[in-house]
Amino acid sequence: MEGFILRKVSREFNKWRSPECKVKVLKNRGNNLTVEFTGTRAGFACCFDENFVDYVYYLEDIGKKKFEVSQIKRKDKERFVVNYKLKEA
């Protein structure tokens, strides 16, 4: 995904969800994205993982591309790393 569009997606996501949840794009390669999710509620909030799916909707609404979650890794109690891949047509 184009870098400037991805920055817009992340800024919009963070605008409405920070400080409870913040995203930072770690990798943007071809059809794959790696995104870090942190926040004040990452380790304790019920349904924090819904943010991972919500980010997919931001990618589609703003970036006009359909991605899906391919892997979720919990790095520590306040940080998750989520891999996304472009959906096949």
N, C-alpha and C. Protein backbone atom coordinates (compact mmCIF):
# COMPACT_ATOMS: atom_id res chain seq x y z
N MET A 1 0.84 -1.17 0.00
CA MET A 1 0.00 0.00 0.00
C MET A 1 0.90 1.24 0.00
N GLU A 2 0.48 2.26 -0.69
CA GLU A 2 1.25 3.50 -0.75
C GLU A 2 1.44 4.07 0.65
N GLY A 3 2.67 4.52 0.94
CA GLY A 3 3.01 4.99 2.27
C GLY A 3 2.16 6.14 2.76
N PHE A 4 1.88 7.11 1.89
CA PHE A 4 1.10 8.27 2.32
C PHE A 4 -0.34 7.89 2.67
N ILE A 5 -0.89 6.91 1.97
CA ILE A 5 -2.25 6.44 2.29
C ILE A 5 -2.23 5.68 3.61
N LEU A 6 -1.24 4.85 3.80
CA LEU A 6 -1.13 4.09 5.04
C LEU A 6 -0.95 5.02 6.24
N ARG A 7 -0.19 6.08 6.08
CA ARG A 7 -0.04 7.06 7.17
C ARG A 7 -1.38 7.72 7.49
N LYS A 8 -2.15 8.01 6.46
CA LYS A 8 -3.48 8.61 6.66
C LYS A 8 -4.39 7.64 7.41
N VAL A 9 -4.36 6.37 7.03
CA VAL A 9 -5.16 5.34 7.71
C VAL A 9 -4.79 5.29 9.19
N SER A 10 -3.51 5.24 9.49
CA SER A 10 -3.05 5.13 10.87
C SER A 10 -3.36 6.39 11.68
N ARG A 11 -3.18 7.55 11.07
CA ARG A 11 -3.51 8.81 11.77
C ARG A 11 -4.99 8.86 12.14
N GLU A 12 -5.84 8.46 11.21
CA GLU A 12 -7.28 8.48 11.47
C GLU A 12 -7.65 7.47 12.56
N PHE A 13 -7.08 6.29 12.50
CA PHE A 13 -7.32 5.28 13.52
C PHE A 13 -6.90 5.81 14.89
N ASN A 14 -5.70 6.34 14.98
CA ASN A 14 -5.18 6.84 16.26
C ASN A 14 -5.97 8.04 16.78
N LYS A 15 -6.47 8.85 15.87
CA LYS A 15 -7.25 10.03 16.25
C LYS A 15 -8.44 9.65 17.13
N TRP A 16 -9.09 8.56 16.80
CA TRP A 16 -10.31 8.16 17.51
C TRP A 16 -10.07 7.14 18.62
N ARG A 17 -8.91 6.51 18.68
CA ARG A 17 -8.71 5.41 19.63
C ARG A 17 -7.62 5.64 20.67
N SER A 18 -6.74 6.60 20.42
CA SER A 18 -5.65 6.87 21.36
C SER A 18 -6.20 7.59 22.59
N PRO A 19 -5.76 7.33 23.80
CA PRO A 19 -4.61 6.53 24.19
C PRO A 19 -4.94 5.06 24.47
N GLU A 20 -6.23 4.68 24.40
CA GLU A 20 -6.60 3.30 24.70
C GLU A 20 -5.95 2.32 23.74
N CYS A 21 -5.81 2.74 22.48
CA CYS A 21 -5.17 1.90 21.47
C CYS A 21 -4.49 2.80 20.46
N LYS A 22 -3.24 2.47 20.13
CA LYS A 22 -2.49 3.19 19.11
C LYS A 22 -1.84 2.19 18.17
N VAL A 23 -1.77 2.58 16.90
CA VAL A 23 -1.10 1.72 15.92
C VAL A 23 0.16 2.39 15.40
N LYS A 24 1.10 1.53 15.01
CA LYS A 24 2.33 1.97 14.37
C LYS A 24 2.67 0.91 13.32
N VAL A 25 2.81 1.32 12.08
CA VAL A 25 3.14 0.38 11.01
C VAL A 25 4.63 0.05 11.11
N LEU A 26 4.92 -1.24 11.22
CA LEU A 26 6.30 -1.71 11.31
C LEU A 26 6.87 -2.09 9.94
N LYS A 27 6.03 -2.71 9.10
CA LYS A 27 6.46 -3.12 7.76
C LYS A 27 5.32 -2.92 6.78
N ASN A 28 5.68 -2.49 5.58
CA ASN A 28 4.74 -2.32 4.48
C ASN A 28 5.43 -2.88 3.25
N ARG A 29 5.21 -4.16 3.01
CA ARG A 29 5.91 -4.84 1.90
C ARG A 29 4.90 -5.56 1.01
N GLY A 30 4.80 -5.08 -0.21
CA GLY A 30 3.95 -5.76 -1.19
C GLY A 30 2.52 -5.89 -0.71
N ASN A 31 2.08 -7.12 -0.56
CA ASN A 31 0.72 -7.40 -0.14
C ASN A 31 0.61 -7.67 1.36
N ASN A 32 1.66 -7.33 2.11
CA ASN A 32 1.68 -7.63 3.55
C ASN A 32 1.98 -6.39 4.37
N LEU A 33 1.30 -6.29 5.50
CA LEU A 33 1.54 -5.23 6.47
C LEU A 33 1.80 -5.85 7.83
N THR A 34 2.68 -5.23 8.60
CA THR A 34 2.89 -5.62 9.99
C THR A 34 2.65 -4.36 10.82
N VAL A 35 1.71 -4.46 11.77
CA VAL A 35 1.28 -3.30 12.55
C VAL A 35 1.37 -3.61 14.03
N GLU A 36 1.93 -2.67 14.79
CA GLU A 36 2.03 -2.81 16.24
C GLU A 36 0.86 -2.07 16.90
N PHE A 37 0.21 -2.74 17.84
CA PHE A 37 -0.88 -2.15 18.61
C PHE A 37 -0.45 -2.04 20.06
N THR A 38 -0.53 -0.84 20.61
CA THR A 38 -0.22 -0.59 22.01
C THR A 38 -1.33 0.27 22.59
N GLY A 39 -1.27 0.46 23.89
CA GLY A 39 -2.25 1.35 24.50
C GLY A 39 -2.44 1.11 25.97
N THR A 40 -3.20 1.99 26.57
CA THR A 40 -3.41 1.92 28.01
C THR A 40 -4.23 0.70 28.42
N ARG A 41 -4.97 0.17 27.50
CA ARG A 41 -5.85 -0.97 27.82
C ARG A 41 -5.42 -2.27 27.15
N ALA A 42 -4.29 -2.29 26.52
CA ALA A 42 -3.87 -3.45 25.73
C ALA A 42 -3.84 -4.73 26.56
N GLY A 43 -3.37 -4.65 27.78
CA GLY A 43 -3.23 -5.85 28.58
C GLY A 43 -4.44 -6.23 29.40
N PHE A 44 -5.39 -5.31 29.53
CA PHE A 44 -6.46 -5.53 30.49
C PHE A 44 -7.86 -5.42 29.93
N ALA A 45 -8.01 -4.83 28.77
CA ALA A 45 -9.35 -4.55 28.26
C ALA A 45 -9.97 -5.76 27.59
N CYS A 46 -11.21 -5.94 27.88
CA CYS A 46 -12.02 -6.92 27.18
C CYS A 46 -12.17 -6.44 25.74
N CYS A 47 -12.05 -7.31 24.80
CA CYS A 47 -12.28 -7.02 23.38
C CYS A 47 -11.23 -6.12 22.74
N PHE A 48 -10.04 -6.01 23.31
CA PHE A 48 -8.99 -5.19 22.70
C PHE A 48 -8.67 -5.69 21.30
N ASP A 49 -8.81 -7.00 21.08
CA ASP A 49 -8.51 -7.58 19.78
C ASP A 49 -9.45 -7.09 18.67
N GLU A 50 -10.58 -6.52 19.02
CA GLU A 50 -11.48 -5.98 18.00
C GLU A 50 -10.82 -4.83 17.25
N ASN A 51 -9.85 -4.17 17.87
CA ASN A 51 -9.11 -3.11 17.19
C ASN A 51 -8.37 -3.64 15.96
N PHE A 52 -7.92 -4.89 16.02
CA PHE A 52 -7.19 -5.49 14.90
C PHE A 52 -8.10 -5.59 13.67
N VAL A 53 -9.34 -5.97 13.91
CA VAL A 53 -10.32 -6.08 12.83
C VAL A 53 -10.78 -4.70 12.39
N ASP A 54 -10.97 -3.79 13.33
CA ASP A 54 -11.38 -2.43 12.97
C ASP A 54 -10.36 -1.78 12.04
N TYR A 55 -9.08 -2.07 12.23
CA TYR A 55 -8.05 -1.51 11.37
C TYR A 55 -8.25 -1.96 9.92
N VAL A 56 -8.76 -3.17 9.73
CA VAL A 56 -9.07 -3.68 8.39
C VAL A 56 -10.10 -2.77 7.71
N TYR A 57 -11.10 -2.33 8.48
CA TYR A 57 -12.13 -1.45 7.91
C TYR A 57 -11.55 -0.08 7.54
N TYR A 58 -10.64 0.42 8.35
CA TYR A 58 -9.96 1.68 8.01
C TYR A 58 -9.15 1.52 6.72
N LEU A 59 -8.46 0.39 6.57
CA LEU A 59 -7.70 0.13 5.36
C LEU A 59 -8.60 0.11 4.13
N GLU A 60 -9.78 -0.47 4.30
CA GLU A 60 -10.71 -0.56 3.17
C GLU A 60 -11.38 0.79 2.89
N ASP A 61 -11.84 1.47 3.94
CA ASP A 61 -12.56 2.74 3.75
C ASP A 61 -11.66 3.85 3.22
N ILE A 62 -10.46 3.97 3.77
CA ILE A 62 -9.57 5.06 3.39
C ILE A 62 -8.61 4.62 2.27
N GLY A 63 -8.06 3.42 2.41
CA GLY A 63 -7.06 2.94 1.46
C GLY A 63 -7.61 2.23 0.25
N LYS A 64 -8.91 1.89 0.30
CA LYS A 64 -9.58 1.23 -0.83
C LYS A 64 -8.99 -0.13 -1.18
N LYS A 65 -8.43 -0.80 -0.15
CA LYS A 65 -7.89 -2.15 -0.36
C LYS A 65 -8.40 -3.05 0.76
N LYS A 66 -8.67 -4.31 0.39
CA LYS A 66 -9.20 -5.26 1.37
C LYS A 66 -8.08 -6.14 1.90
N PHE A 67 -7.84 -6.01 3.20
CA PHE A 67 -6.85 -6.82 3.89
C PHE A 67 -7.56 -7.73 4.87
N GLU A 68 -6.84 -8.75 5.32
CA GLU A 68 -7.34 -9.62 6.38
C GLU A 68 -6.22 -9.91 7.36
N VAL A 69 -6.60 -10.20 8.60
CA VAL A 69 -5.62 -10.55 9.62
C VAL A 69 -5.06 -11.92 9.29
N SER A 70 -3.74 -12.03 9.25
CA SER A 70 -3.12 -13.33 8.97
C SER A 70 -2.42 -13.91 10.20
N GLN A 71 -2.02 -13.04 11.15
CA GLN A 71 -1.36 -13.55 12.35
C GLN A 71 -1.39 -12.47 13.44
N ILE A 72 -1.57 -12.93 14.69
CA ILE A 72 -1.54 -12.04 15.85
C ILE A 72 -0.52 -12.59 16.83
N LYS A 73 0.40 -11.72 17.27
CA LYS A 73 1.40 -12.12 18.26
C LYS A 73 1.34 -11.15 19.43
N ARG A 74 1.27 -11.70 20.62
CA ARG A 74 1.33 -10.86 21.82
C ARG A 74 2.80 -10.78 22.23
N LYS A 75 3.37 -9.60 22.15
CA LYS A 75 4.79 -9.42 22.45
C LYS A 75 5.03 -9.25 23.95
N ASP A 76 4.15 -8.56 24.62
CA ASP A 76 4.17 -8.43 26.08
C ASP A 76 2.77 -7.99 26.50
N LYS A 77 2.59 -7.66 27.77
CA LYS A 77 1.22 -7.38 28.23
C LYS A 77 0.62 -6.11 27.65
N GLU A 78 1.43 -5.26 27.05
CA GLU A 78 0.90 -4.01 26.50
C GLU A 78 1.18 -3.84 25.01
N ARG A 79 1.53 -4.93 24.32
CA ARG A 79 1.91 -4.77 22.92
C ARG A 79 1.58 -6.03 22.12
N PHE A 80 0.89 -5.80 21.00
CA PHE A 80 0.58 -6.85 20.05
C PHE A 80 1.15 -6.47 18.69
N VAL A 81 1.59 -7.47 17.93
CA VAL A 81 2.02 -7.26 16.55
C VAL A 81 1.09 -8.11 15.67
N VAL A 82 0.48 -7.43 14.71
CA VAL A 82 -0.52 -8.08 13.85
C VAL A 82 -0.05 -8.01 12.40
N ASN A 83 -0.11 -9.15 11.73
CA ASN A 83 0.22 -9.22 10.31
C ASN A 83 -1.09 -9.24 9.52
N TYR A 84 -1.09 -8.48 8.46
CA TYR A 84 -2.22 -8.42 7.54
C TYR A 84 -1.74 -8.81 6.15
N LYS A 85 -2.64 -9.44 5.39
CA LYS A 85 -2.31 -9.72 3.99
C LYS A 85 -3.47 -9.25 3.12
N LEU A 86 -3.13 -8.84 1.92
CA LEU A 86 -4.12 -8.38 0.96
C LEU A 86 -5.02 -9.55 0.59
N LYS A 87 -6.32 -9.34 0.62
CA LYS A 87 -7.26 -10.40 0.26
C LYS A 87 -7.20 -10.65 -1.23
N GLU A 88 -7.29 -11.91 -1.57
CA GLU A 88 -7.36 -12.29 -2.98
C GLU A 88 -8.73 -11.90 -3.52
N ALA A 89 -8.78 -11.47 -4.77
CA ALA A 89 -10.05 -11.05 -5.38
C ALA A 89 -10.97 -12.20 -5.64
